N, C-alpha and C. Protein backbone atom coordinates (compact mmCIF):
# COMPACT_ATOMS: atom_id res chain seq x y z
N MET A 1 1.02 -1.22 0.23
CA MET A 1 -0.11 0.08 0.11
C MET A 1 1.34 1.12 0.07
N ALA A 2 0.71 2.41 -1.18
CA ALA A 2 1.62 3.31 -1.33
C ALA A 2 0.63 5.04 -0.39
N LEU A 3 1.36 5.02 0.83
CA LEU A 3 1.23 6.33 1.30
C LEU A 3 0.96 7.87 0.92
N THR A 4 0.37 8.20 0.78
CA THR A 4 0.26 9.63 0.62
C THR A 4 1.20 10.83 1.56
N VAL A 5 1.32 11.99 1.24
CA VAL A 5 2.48 12.38 2.28
C VAL A 5 1.80 13.42 2.77
N ALA A 6 -0.15 13.13 2.69
CA ALA A 6 -0.52 13.57 3.65
C ALA A 6 -0.90 12.89 5.03
N GLN A 7 -0.26 11.20 4.55
CA GLN A 7 -1.35 10.15 5.51
C GLN A 7 0.07 10.21 6.62
N VAL A 8 2.05 10.58 5.41
CA VAL A 8 3.14 10.35 6.79
C VAL A 8 3.45 11.22 7.41
N ASP A 9 2.44 12.75 6.53
CA ASP A 9 3.19 13.90 7.83
C ASP A 9 1.62 13.71 8.81
N ALA A 10 0.77 14.28 8.74
CA ALA A 10 -0.44 12.87 9.87
C ALA A 10 0.86 11.95 10.95
N ALA A 11 0.57 11.29 10.48
CA ALA A 11 1.62 10.20 11.18
C ALA A 11 2.56 10.80 11.62
N ILE A 12 3.37 11.36 11.29
CA ILE A 12 5.04 11.95 11.83
C ILE A 12 3.98 13.33 13.06
N THR A 13 3.28 14.26 12.69
CA THR A 13 2.52 15.02 13.63
C THR A 13 2.71 14.26 14.80
N SER A 14 1.29 13.72 14.74
CA SER A 14 0.79 12.90 15.39
C SER A 14 1.65 12.21 16.68
N ILE A 15 2.53 11.37 15.89
CA ILE A 15 3.61 11.06 17.33
C ILE A 15 4.25 12.11 17.82
N LEU A 16 5.25 13.16 17.28
CA LEU A 16 5.39 14.08 18.13
C LEU A 16 4.67 14.57 18.80
N THR A 17 3.48 15.04 18.69
CA THR A 17 2.52 16.40 19.34
C THR A 17 1.43 15.35 20.00
N ASP A 18 1.04 14.58 19.79
CA ASP A 18 0.18 13.56 20.73
C ASP A 18 -0.22 12.72 21.20
N GLY A 19 1.10 12.38 21.11
CA GLY A 19 1.76 10.11 21.94
C GLY A 19 2.87 9.15 21.03
N GLN A 20 2.82 8.75 21.47
CA GLN A 20 3.99 8.10 20.88
C GLN A 20 3.09 6.76 19.61
N LYS A 21 1.43 6.36 19.56
CA LYS A 21 1.61 5.55 17.68
C LYS A 21 0.71 6.82 17.69
N TYR A 22 0.59 5.63 16.23
CA TYR A 22 -0.23 6.69 14.70
C TYR A 22 -0.70 5.32 14.23
N VAL A 23 -1.95 4.28 13.72
CA VAL A 23 -1.78 3.82 13.12
C VAL A 23 -2.61 4.10 11.59
N ILE A 24 -1.64 3.71 10.19
CA ILE A 24 -2.67 4.23 8.70
C ILE A 24 -2.72 2.24 8.34
N GLY A 25 -4.35 2.23 8.09
CA GLY A 25 -4.60 0.76 7.99
C GLY A 25 -4.18 -0.50 9.35
N ASP A 26 -3.37 -0.71 8.26
CA ASP A 26 -3.20 -2.44 9.54
C ASP A 26 -1.82 -1.68 10.28
N ARG A 27 -0.87 -0.83 9.68
CA ARG A 27 0.52 -0.77 9.63
C ARG A 27 0.45 0.14 11.30
N GLU A 28 0.85 0.31 12.50
CA GLU A 28 1.06 0.57 13.54
C GLU A 28 2.64 1.56 13.39
N TYR A 29 2.64 2.84 13.55
CA TYR A 29 3.57 3.77 14.06
C TYR A 29 4.27 4.22 15.42
N THR A 30 5.76 3.30 15.78
CA THR A 30 5.49 4.41 17.20
C THR A 30 6.14 4.80 17.20
N GLN A 31 6.57 5.46 18.12
CA GLN A 31 8.39 6.64 17.28
C GLN A 31 9.57 6.30 17.56
N ALA A 32 9.40 5.04 17.67
CA ALA A 32 10.71 4.14 16.87
C ALA A 32 10.74 4.80 15.85
N ASP A 33 9.44 4.41 14.71
CA ASP A 33 9.79 4.71 13.71
C ASP A 33 9.86 5.46 13.29
N LEU A 34 10.14 6.56 13.25
CA LEU A 34 10.25 8.26 12.99
C LEU A 34 10.78 7.92 12.11
N GLU A 35 12.28 7.90 11.65
CA GLU A 35 13.11 7.66 10.60
C GLU A 35 12.12 6.50 8.79
N ASP A 36 11.74 5.76 9.45
CA ASP A 36 11.57 4.73 8.76
C ASP A 36 9.72 6.00 8.27
N LEU A 37 9.34 6.61 8.74
CA LEU A 37 8.49 7.64 8.14
C LEU A 37 8.73 8.68 7.38
N ILE A 38 9.99 9.25 8.09
CA ILE A 38 10.90 10.56 7.08
C ILE A 38 11.09 9.94 5.77
N ALA A 39 11.35 8.18 5.87
CA ALA A 39 12.04 7.64 5.19
C ALA A 39 10.88 7.59 3.54
N LEU A 40 9.91 6.99 4.09
CA LEU A 40 8.05 6.85 3.49
C LEU A 40 7.39 8.47 3.39
N ARG A 41 8.20 9.05 3.69
CA ARG A 41 7.58 10.47 2.84
C ARG A 41 8.55 10.90 1.98
N LYS A 42 9.59 10.77 2.28
CA LYS A 42 10.06 10.98 0.83
C LYS A 42 10.86 10.82 -1.12
N THR A 43 9.58 8.86 -0.36
CA THR A 43 9.09 8.54 -0.71
C THR A 43 7.99 8.80 -2.01
N ALA A 44 6.79 9.22 -0.58
CA ALA A 44 5.96 9.85 -1.58
C ALA A 44 5.89 10.27 -1.89
N VAL A 45 7.04 11.98 -1.97
CA VAL A 45 7.16 12.93 -2.35
C VAL A 45 6.91 12.82 -3.62
N SER A 46 7.70 11.90 -3.98
CA SER A 46 8.99 11.61 -5.42
C SER A 46 7.70 10.95 -6.23
N GLU A 47 6.86 10.22 -5.39
CA GLU A 47 6.38 9.69 -6.59
C GLU A 47 5.35 10.52 -6.71
N GLU A 48 4.46 10.91 -5.31
CA GLU A 48 3.34 12.18 -5.96
C GLU A 48 3.72 13.08 -7.10
N ARG A 49 5.47 13.93 -7.76
CA ARG A 49 5.86 14.70 -8.29
C ARG A 49 5.68 13.63 -9.34
N THR A 50 5.69 12.78 -9.56
CA THR A 50 6.27 11.57 -11.00
C THR A 50 4.95 11.37 -11.52
N ALA A 51 3.52 11.05 -10.31
CA ALA A 51 2.35 10.85 -10.62
C ALA A 51 1.87 12.26 -11.49
N GLY A 52 1.89 13.29 -11.40
CA GLY A 52 0.91 14.66 -11.12
C GLY A 52 2.11 14.92 -12.56
N LYS A 53 2.72 15.03 -13.07
CA LYS A 53 3.63 15.42 -13.78
C LYS A 53 3.37 14.71 -15.33
N GLY A 54 1.98 16.12 -16.42
CA GLY A 54 1.22 15.52 -17.61
C GLY A 54 2.52 15.77 -18.96
N MET A 55 2.53 15.48 -19.51
CA MET A 55 3.28 15.62 -20.75
C MET A 55 4.16 16.67 -21.04
N PHE A 56 3.02 18.19 -20.81
CA PHE A 56 3.30 19.55 -20.79
C PHE A 56 4.95 19.62 -19.45
N GLN A 57 4.30 19.32 -18.28
CA GLN A 57 5.71 19.34 -16.92
C GLN A 57 6.67 18.48 -17.10
N ARG A 58 6.43 17.58 -18.14
CA ARG A 58 7.85 16.56 -18.46
C ARG A 58 8.39 17.44 -19.38
N VAL A 59 8.36 17.68 -20.60
CA VAL A 59 9.15 18.79 -21.83
C VAL A 59 8.84 19.97 -21.48
N ARG A 60 10.38 19.97 -21.35
CA ARG A 60 10.98 21.88 -21.66
C ARG A 60 10.59 22.08 -22.36
N PHE A 61 9.96 23.17 -22.72
CA PHE A 61 9.88 23.98 -24.44
C PHE A 61 10.75 25.18 -24.30
N GLY A 62 11.91 25.63 -25.45
CA GLY A 62 12.14 26.64 -25.44
C GLY A 62 11.44 27.98 -26.07
N THR A 63 12.17 28.53 -25.41
CA THR A 63 11.64 30.40 -26.59
C THR A 63 11.83 30.43 -28.20
N VAL A 64 11.68 30.90 -28.80
CA VAL A 64 10.08 30.72 -30.60
C VAL A 64 11.54 32.82 -30.68
N GLY A 65 12.22 32.73 -31.06
CA GLY A 65 12.31 33.78 -32.08
C GLY A 65 11.79 34.09 -32.91
N ALA A 66 11.83 35.59 -32.31
CA ALA A 66 11.18 36.43 -33.15
C ALA A 66 11.68 37.10 -34.25
């Protein structure tokens, strides 16, 4: 199951401010998992950036000379 950046951010924020654990789906994350959550966040950011790019965002266009 691929997590979204929002889900990972919610887990990190909850662990740091509200308590020592957070559940996403069937997985429980604890304070000991913060490094794993940070790595998951980096992956989720990368995946969301890649998925959100259409053809015109992937191709760099030059300027037309006059």
